[in-house]
Amino acid sequence: MMRKRQVFRWIVFLLAAFYCLRTLFFGDFAAFGGPFRYLTIWALFCSFFAASRMMALEENRSAKRWDGFVCMTAVLNAMVVFLYWRLYFVDPTSVTSDGQLGKAYLELYMHGLGPALQIIDTLFVHRSYRKLRVSLMWLFGVIGAYVAWAELVVGPMNASPTGTVTSGLPYPFLNNLDLSGRAVFYGSNFVIAVILLLVFAGIAWVIRRTFPQQTTH
């Protein structure tokens, strides 16, 4: 069992490392902020750091569990998947410049496989969601930082994409909303993130109760 768990975590770590390096070396940095304008990339780098900490824990190089951070990362990834595909299927141009998906191996990892692997680790391997207050603080901090980054830095520093109200915000649809509309959007999605955290915590509790012999570390 331990060997399988280690292999799984190496796969998660190496995939996250590959896509982080790809972002740094081949990402589009033409606009201010480059690929870091997008929440997907924030979630990717959080996943990479979380995976590195899980490998350190797995190989007894560290005893720190990072429960709050890994739970926040799982929820952030779930939000990325939920928001991206919901917006894409309603209006593809709301999240992409031309309404077309990019390279399949990139899209499927960023908005599917990568988040799924992170969530699986937190639920079935790491057995997280024991410190919800800390997870909530991480969630509030990271989402708040991203909103501030998008509104106060990315938007003012970029001329595109353009919308009916403003321009420069990372996702095209945001530029069609006024400040109050964007505030409602950000707030409602933070509520959804909190709900997801509670749902994951409930699932994790059931897993720990049902399979107590698999509890690690």
C-alpha atoms as a PDB file:
ATOM      1  CA  MET A   1       0.000   0.000   0.000  1.00  0.00           C
ATOM      2  CA  MET A   2       2.758   2.433   0.952  1.00  0.00           C
ATOM      3  CA  ARG A   3       4.583   1.759  -2.310  1.00  0.00           C
ATOM      4  CA  LYS A   4       1.443   2.464  -4.346  1.00  0.00           C
ATOM      5  CA  ARG A   5       0.852   5.641  -2.394  1.00  0.00           C
ATOM      6  CA  GLN A   6       4.391   6.820  -3.041  1.00  0.00           C
ATOM      7  CA  VAL A   7       4.097   6.101  -6.772  1.00  0.00           C
ATOM      8  CA  PHE A   8       0.806   8.001  -6.888  1.00  0.00           C
ATOM      9  CA  ARG A   9       2.348  11.003  -5.191  1.00  0.00           C
ATOM     10  CA  TRP A  10       5.364  10.973  -7.465  1.00  0.00           C
ATOM     11  CA  ILE A  11       3.017  11.034 -10.459  1.00  0.00           C
ATOM     12  CA  VAL A  12       1.065  13.952  -8.982  1.00  0.00           C
ATOM     13  CA  PHE A  13       4.275  15.840  -8.186  1.00  0.00           C
ATOM     14  CA  LEU A  14       5.977  15.275 -11.547  1.00  0.00           C
ATOM     15  CA  LEU A  15       2.900  16.248 -13.536  1.00  0.00           C
ATOM     16  CA  ALA A  16       2.486  19.453 -11.539  1.00  0.00           C
ATOM     17  CA  ALA A  17       6.207  20.209 -11.932  1.00  0.00           C
ATOM     18  CA  PHE A  18       6.040  19.662 -15.697  1.00  0.00           C
ATOM     19  CA  TYR A  19       3.104  22.009 -16.185  1.00  0.00           C
ATOM     20  CA  CYS A  20       4.623  24.655 -13.905  1.00  0.00           C
ATOM     21  CA  LEU A  21       7.863  24.574 -15.906  1.00  0.00           C
ATOM     22  CA  ARG A  22       5.914  24.675 -19.144  1.00  0.00           C
ATOM     23  CA  THR A  23       4.088  27.757 -17.881  1.00  0.00           C
ATOM     24  CA  LEU A  24       7.328  29.509 -16.952  1.00  0.00           C
ATOM     25  CA  PHE A  25       9.180  28.708 -20.173  1.00  0.00           C
ATOM     26  CA  PHE A  26       6.415  28.612 -22.776  1.00  0.00           C
ATOM     27  CA  GLY A  27       3.620  30.683 -21.281  1.00  0.00           C
ATOM     28  CA  ASP A  28       2.435  33.860 -22.993  1.00  0.00           C
ATOM     29  CA  PHE A  29       4.044  36.812 -21.209  1.00  0.00           C
ATOM     30  CA  ALA A  30       3.075  39.391 -23.840  1.00  0.00           C
ATOM     31  CA  ALA A  31       0.532  41.013 -21.508  1.00  0.00           C
ATOM     32  CA  PHE A  32       1.403  42.294 -18.053  1.00  0.00           C
ATOM     33  CA  GLY A  33       1.186  39.429 -15.553  1.00  0.00           C
ATOM     34  CA  GLY A  34       1.540  36.795 -18.255  1.00  0.00           C
ATOM     35  CA  PRO A  35      -0.152  33.497 -17.442  1.00  0.00           C
ATOM     36  CA  PHE A  36      -0.319  34.526 -13.769  1.00  0.00           C
ATOM     37  CA  ARG A  37      -3.297  36.678 -14.693  1.00  0.00           C
ATOM     38  CA  TYR A  38      -5.408  33.545 -14.448  1.00  0.00           C
ATOM     39  CA  LEU A  39      -6.711  31.734 -11.376  1.00  0.00           C
ATOM     40  CA  THR A  40      -5.955  28.418 -13.109  1.00  0.00           C
ATOM     41  CA  ILE A  41      -2.224  29.161 -12.914  1.00  0.00           C
ATOM     42  CA  TRP A  42      -2.460  30.168  -9.278  1.00  0.00           C
ATOM     43  CA  ALA A  43      -4.148  26.835  -8.569  1.00  0.00           C
ATOM     44  CA  LEU A  44      -1.481  24.998 -10.578  1.00  0.00           C
ATOM     45  CA  PHE A  45       1.407  26.455  -8.583  1.00  0.00           C
ATOM     46  CA  CYS A  46      -0.437  25.847  -5.322  1.00  0.00           C
ATOM     47  CA  SER A  47      -0.853  22.226  -6.447  1.00  0.00           C
ATOM     48  CA  PHE A  48       2.860  21.953  -7.184  1.00  0.00           C
ATOM     49  CA  PHE A  49       3.791  23.253  -3.741  1.00  0.00           C
ATOM     50  CA  ALA A  50       1.214  21.010  -2.059  1.00  0.00           C
ATOM     51  CA  ALA A  51       2.504  17.993  -3.997  1.00  0.00           C
ATOM     52  CA  SER A  52       6.081  18.787  -2.965  1.00  0.00           C
ATOM     53  CA  ARG A  53       5.035  18.927   0.696  1.00  0.00           C
ATOM     54  CA  MET A  54       3.154  15.639   0.391  1.00  0.00           C
ATOM     55  CA  MET A  55       6.259  14.005  -1.087  1.00  0.00           C
ATOM     56  CA  ALA A  56       8.376  15.345   1.774  1.00  0.00           C
ATOM     57  CA  LEU A  57       5.863  13.942   4.237  1.00  0.00           C
ATOM     58  CA  GLU A  58       5.635  10.630   2.398  1.00  0.00           C
ATOM     59  CA  GLU A  59       9.407  10.168   2.414  1.00  0.00           C
ATOM     60  CA  ASN A  60       9.776  11.277   6.047  1.00  0.00           C
ATOM     61  CA  ARG A  61      11.734  14.392   5.101  1.00  0.00           C
ATOM     62  CA  SER A  62       9.200  16.511   6.968  1.00  0.00           C
ATOM     63  CA  ALA A  63       6.579  15.968   9.654  1.00  0.00           C
ATOM     64  CA  LYS A  64       4.500  19.032   8.782  1.00  0.00           C
ATOM     65  CA  ARG A  65       1.143  18.094   7.261  1.00  0.00           C
ATOM     66  CA  TRP A  66       0.145  21.437   5.746  1.00  0.00           C
ATOM     67  CA  ASP A  67      -3.526  20.523   6.233  1.00  0.00           C
ATOM     68  CA  GLY A  68      -4.877  24.040   5.788  1.00  0.00           C
ATOM     69  CA  PHE A  69      -2.899  24.740   2.630  1.00  0.00           C
ATOM     70  CA  VAL A  70      -3.611  21.423   0.881  1.00  0.00           C
ATOM     71  CA  CYS A  71      -7.331  21.717   1.641  1.00  0.00           C
ATOM     72  CA  MET A  72      -7.393  25.259   0.281  1.00  0.00           C
ATOM     73  CA  THR A  73      -5.578  24.048  -2.839  1.00  0.00           C
ATOM     74  CA  ALA A  74      -8.100  21.272  -3.433  1.00  0.00           C
ATOM     75  CA  VAL A  75     -11.009  23.702  -3.106  1.00  0.00           C
ATOM     76  CA  LEU A  76      -9.278  26.257  -5.345  1.00  0.00           C
ATOM     77  CA  ASN A  77      -8.799  23.573  -7.996  1.00  0.00           C
ATOM     78  CA  ALA A  78     -12.428  22.526  -7.715  1.00  0.00           C
ATOM     79  CA  MET A  79     -13.449  26.156  -8.180  1.00  0.00           C
ATOM     80  CA  VAL A  80     -11.261  26.449 -11.282  1.00  0.00           C
ATOM     81  CA  VAL A  81     -12.920  23.395 -12.853  1.00  0.00           C
ATOM     82  CA  PHE A  82     -16.412  24.510 -11.878  1.00  0.00           C
ATOM     83  CA  LEU A  83     -16.030  28.100 -13.075  1.00  0.00           C
ATOM     84  CA  TYR A  84     -14.139  27.327 -16.264  1.00  0.00           C
ATOM     85  CA  TRP A  85     -16.441  24.685 -17.655  1.00  0.00           C
ATOM     86  CA  ARG A  86     -19.632  26.402 -16.508  1.00  0.00           C
ATOM     87  CA  LEU A  87     -18.615  29.623 -18.237  1.00  0.00           C
ATOM     88  CA  TYR A  88     -17.203  27.841 -21.274  1.00  0.00           C
ATOM     89  CA  PHE A  89     -20.369  25.854 -21.994  1.00  0.00           C
ATOM     90  CA  VAL A  90     -22.545  28.962 -21.582  1.00  0.00           C
ATOM     91  CA  ASP A  91     -20.301  31.174 -23.730  1.00  0.00           C
ATOM     92  CA  PRO A  92     -16.842  29.999 -24.819  1.00  0.00           C
ATOM     93  CA  THR A  93     -15.689  33.570 -25.469  1.00  0.00           C
ATOM     94  CA  SER A  94     -16.277  34.443 -21.815  1.00  0.00           C
ATOM     95  CA  VAL A  95     -13.106  32.597 -20.794  1.00  0.00           C
ATOM     96  CA  THR A  96     -11.136  32.299 -24.048  1.00  0.00           C
ATOM     97  CA  SER A  97     -10.202  35.029 -26.500  1.00  0.00           C
ATOM     98  CA  ASP A  98     -11.513  33.218 -29.578  1.00  0.00           C
ATOM     99  CA  GLY A  99     -13.981  30.768 -28.050  1.00  0.00           C
ATOM    100  CA  GLN A 100     -11.744  27.814 -28.865  1.00  0.00           C
ATOM    101  CA  LEU A 101     -10.116  25.376 -26.464  1.00  0.00           C
ATOM    102  CA  GLY A 102      -6.332  25.276 -26.489  1.00  0.00           C
ATOM    103  CA  LYS A 103      -4.147  22.201 -26.717  1.00  0.00           C
ATOM    104  CA  ALA A 104      -5.989  19.134 -25.448  1.00  0.00           C
ATOM    105  CA  TYR A 105      -3.209  17.866 -23.162  1.00  0.00           C
ATOM    106  CA  LEU A 106      -3.020  21.299 -21.534  1.00  0.00           C
ATOM    107  CA  GLU A 107      -6.744  21.928 -21.132  1.00  0.00           C
ATOM    108  CA  LEU A 108      -7.497  18.434 -19.820  1.00  0.00           C
ATOM    109  CA  TYR A 109      -4.773  18.638 -17.186  1.00  0.00           C
ATOM    110  CA  MET A 110      -5.392  22.234 -16.081  1.00  0.00           C
ATOM    111  CA  HIS A 111      -9.168  21.929 -15.941  1.00  0.00           C
ATOM    112  CA  GLY A 112      -9.593  18.235 -15.199  1.00  0.00           C
ATOM    113  CA  LEU A 113      -6.893  15.739 -14.338  1.00  0.00           C
ATOM    114  CA  GLY A 114      -4.657  18.022 -12.267  1.00  0.00           C
ATOM    115  CA  PRO A 115      -7.429  19.216  -9.946  1.00  0.00           C
ATOM    116  CA  ALA A 116      -8.812  15.662  -9.667  1.00  0.00           C
ATOM    117  CA  LEU A 117      -5.441  14.274  -8.567  1.00  0.00           C
ATOM    118  CA  GLN A 118      -5.077  17.003  -5.946  1.00  0.00           C
ATOM    119  CA  ILE A 119      -8.551  16.337  -4.547  1.00  0.00           C
ATOM    120  CA  ILE A 120      -7.990  12.562  -4.501  1.00  0.00           C
ATOM    121  CA  ASP A 121      -4.812  13.013  -2.462  1.00  0.00           C
ATOM    122  CA  THR A 122      -6.497  15.222   0.138  1.00  0.00           C
ATOM    123  CA  LEU A 123      -9.457  12.869   0.539  1.00  0.00           C
ATOM    124  CA  PHE A 124      -8.036   9.375   0.246  1.00  0.00           C
ATOM    125  CA  VAL A 125      -4.285   9.626   0.911  1.00  0.00           C
ATOM    126  CA  HIS A 126      -3.545  12.627   3.096  1.00  0.00           C
ATOM    127  CA  ARG A 127      -6.903  12.430   4.921  1.00  0.00           C
ATOM    128  CA  SER A 128      -7.138  16.208   5.241  1.00  0.00           C
ATOM    129  CA  TYR A 129      -9.979  18.531   6.289  1.00  0.00           C
ATOM    130  CA  ARG A 130      -9.309  18.262  10.020  1.00  0.00           C
ATOM    131  CA  LYS A 131      -8.524  21.965  10.559  1.00  0.00           C
ATOM    132  CA  LEU A 132     -11.283  23.836   8.771  1.00  0.00           C
ATOM    133  CA  ARG A 133     -10.556  27.192  10.398  1.00  0.00           C
ATOM    134  CA  VAL A 134      -7.009  27.176   9.028  1.00  0.00           C
ATOM    135  CA  SER A 135      -8.246  26.009   5.620  1.00  0.00           C
ATOM    136  CA  LEU A 136     -10.803  28.814   5.575  1.00  0.00           C
ATOM    137  CA  MET A 137      -8.117  31.379   6.421  1.00  0.00           C
ATOM    138  CA  TRP A 138      -5.933  30.110   3.572  1.00  0.00           C
ATOM    139  CA  LEU A 139      -8.927  30.165   1.213  1.00  0.00           C
ATOM    140  CA  PHE A 140      -9.868  33.716   2.160  1.00  0.00           C
ATOM    141  CA  GLY A 141      -6.249  34.872   1.863  1.00  0.00           C
ATOM    142  CA  VAL A 142      -5.522  33.350  -1.546  1.00  0.00           C
ATOM    143  CA  ILE A 143      -8.834  34.284  -3.146  1.00  0.00           C
ATOM    144  CA  GLY A 144      -8.603  37.785  -1.673  1.00  0.00           C
ATOM    145  CA  ALA A 145      -5.064  38.149  -3.009  1.00  0.00           C
ATOM    146  CA  TYR A 146      -6.138  37.007  -6.469  1.00  0.00           C
ATOM    147  CA  VAL A 147      -9.084  39.426  -6.599  1.00  0.00           C
ATOM    148  CA  ALA A 148      -6.833  42.296  -5.504  1.00  0.00           C
ATOM    149  CA  TRP A 149      -4.226  41.271  -8.093  1.00  0.00           C
ATOM    150  CA  ALA A 150      -6.822  41.138 -10.879  1.00  0.00           C
ATOM    151  CA  GLU A 151      -8.629  44.354  -9.963  1.00  0.00           C
ATOM    152  CA  LEU A 152      -5.799  46.580  -8.769  1.00  0.00           C
ATOM    153  CA  VAL A 153      -2.856  45.414 -10.875  1.00  0.00           C
ATOM    154  CA  VAL A 154      -3.776  43.307 -13.907  1.00  0.00           C
ATOM    155  CA  GLY A 155      -6.783  45.374 -14.996  1.00  0.00           C
ATOM    156  CA  PRO A 156      -5.100  48.801 -14.854  1.00  0.00           C
ATOM    157  CA  MET A 157      -1.911  47.492 -16.479  1.00  0.00           C
ATOM    158  CA  ASN A 158      -3.561  45.879 -19.524  1.00  0.00           C
ATOM    159  CA  ALA A 159      -5.637  47.252 -22.379  1.00  0.00           C
ATOM    160  CA  SER A 160      -7.218  43.951 -23.373  1.00  0.00           C
ATOM    161  CA  PRO A 161      -9.446  42.042 -23.280  1.00  0.00           C
ATOM    162  CA  THR A 162     -11.995  44.790 -23.742  1.00  0.00           C
ATOM    163  CA  GLY A 163     -15.605  44.709 -22.608  1.00  0.00           C
ATOM    164  CA  THR A 164     -18.690  46.892 -22.491  1.00  0.00           C
ATOM    165  CA  VAL A 165     -17.736  48.363 -19.112  1.00  0.00           C
ATOM    166  CA  THR A 166     -13.984  48.145 -18.672  1.00  0.00           C
ATOM    167  CA  SER A 167     -10.886  46.435 -20.038  1.00  0.00           C
ATOM    168  CA  GLY A 168      -7.771  44.589 -18.956  1.00  0.00           C
ATOM    169  CA  LEU A 169      -9.307  42.185 -16.442  1.00  0.00           C
ATOM    170  CA  PRO A 170      -8.055  38.611 -17.004  1.00  0.00           C
ATOM    171  CA  TYR A 171     -11.287  36.970 -18.151  1.00  0.00           C
ATOM    172  CA  PRO A 172     -13.311  38.611 -20.956  1.00  0.00           C
ATOM    173  CA  PHE A 173     -16.676  38.358 -19.165  1.00  0.00           C
ATOM    174  CA  LEU A 174     -15.394  40.337 -16.160  1.00  0.00           C
ATOM    175  CA  ASN A 175     -14.967  43.361 -18.414  1.00  0.00           C
ATOM    176  CA  ASN A 176     -18.704  43.323 -19.123  1.00  0.00           C
ATOM    177  CA  LEU A 177     -19.551  43.775 -15.429  1.00  0.00           C
ATOM    178  CA  ASP A 178     -19.416  46.977 -13.419  1.00  0.00           C
ATOM    179  CA  LEU A 179     -17.655  47.027 -10.052  1.00  0.00           C
ATOM    180  CA  SER A 180     -20.759  46.063  -8.090  1.00  0.00           C
ATOM    181  CA  GLY A 181     -21.488  43.209 -10.495  1.00  0.00           C
ATOM    182  CA  ARG A 182     -17.948  41.917 -10.143  1.00  0.00           C
ATOM    183  CA  ALA A 183     -18.185  42.198  -6.347  1.00  0.00           C
ATOM    184  CA  VAL A 184     -21.319  40.061  -6.396  1.00  0.00           C
ATOM    185  CA  PHE A 185     -19.581  37.536  -8.660  1.00  0.00           C
ATOM    186  CA  TYR A 186     -16.519  37.331  -6.409  1.00  0.00           C
ATOM    187  CA  GLY A 187     -18.605  37.096  -3.257  1.00  0.00           C
ATOM    188  CA  SER A 188     -20.955  34.410  -4.564  1.00  0.00           C
ATOM    189  CA  ASN A 189     -18.062  32.280  -5.720  1.00  0.00           C
ATOM    190  CA  PHE A 190     -16.322  32.612  -2.376  1.00  0.00           C
ATOM    191  CA  VAL A 191     -19.520  31.279  -0.777  1.00  0.00           C
ATOM    192  CA  ILE A 192     -19.440  28.363  -3.219  1.00  0.00           C
ATOM    193  CA  ALA A 193     -15.790  27.745  -2.246  1.00  0.00           C
ATOM    194  CA  VAL A 194     -16.769  27.577   1.445  1.00  0.00           C
ATOM    195  CA  ILE A 195     -19.579  25.152   0.600  1.00  0.00           C
ATOM    196  CA  LEU A 196     -17.131  22.974  -1.341  1.00  0.00           C
ATOM    197  CA  LEU A 197     -14.761  22.995   1.625  1.00  0.00           C
ATOM    198  CA  LEU A 198     -17.560  21.765   3.887  1.00  0.00           C
ATOM    199  CA  VAL A 199     -18.620  19.119   1.359  1.00  0.00           C
ATOM    200  CA  PHE A 200     -15.050  17.827   1.040  1.00  0.00           C
ATOM    201  CA  ALA A 201     -14.725  17.841   4.829  1.00  0.00           C
ATOM    202  CA  GLY A 202     -17.876  15.722   5.102  1.00  0.00           C
ATOM    203  CA  ILE A 203     -16.624  13.258   2.496  1.00  0.00           C
ATOM    204  CA  ALA A 204     -13.229  13.058   4.218  1.00  0.00           C
ATOM    205  CA  TRP A 205     -14.919  12.377   7.568  1.00  0.00           C
ATOM    206  CA  VAL A 206     -16.914   9.499   6.049  1.00  0.00           C
ATOM    207  CA  ILE A 207     -13.766   8.059   4.449  1.00  0.00           C
ATOM    208  CA  ARG A 208     -11.830   8.202   7.728  1.00  0.00           C
ATOM    209  CA  ARG A 209     -14.698   6.531   9.578  1.00  0.00           C
ATOM    210  CA  THR A 210     -15.258   3.870   6.935  1.00  0.00           C
ATOM    211  CA  PHE A 211     -11.598   2.999   6.351  1.00  0.00           C
ATOM    212  CA  PRO A 212      -9.787   3.853   9.626  1.00  0.00           C
ATOM    213  CA  GLN A 213      -6.986   1.357   8.959  1.00  0.00           C
ATOM    214  CA  GLN A 214      -5.828   3.463   5.981  1.00  0.00           C
ATOM    215  CA  THR A 215      -5.160   6.586   8.043  1.00  0.00           C
ATOM    216  CA  THR A 216      -1.590   7.740   7.394  1.00  0.00           C
ATOM    217  CA  HIS A 217       1.060   9.508   9.399  1.00  0.00           C
END
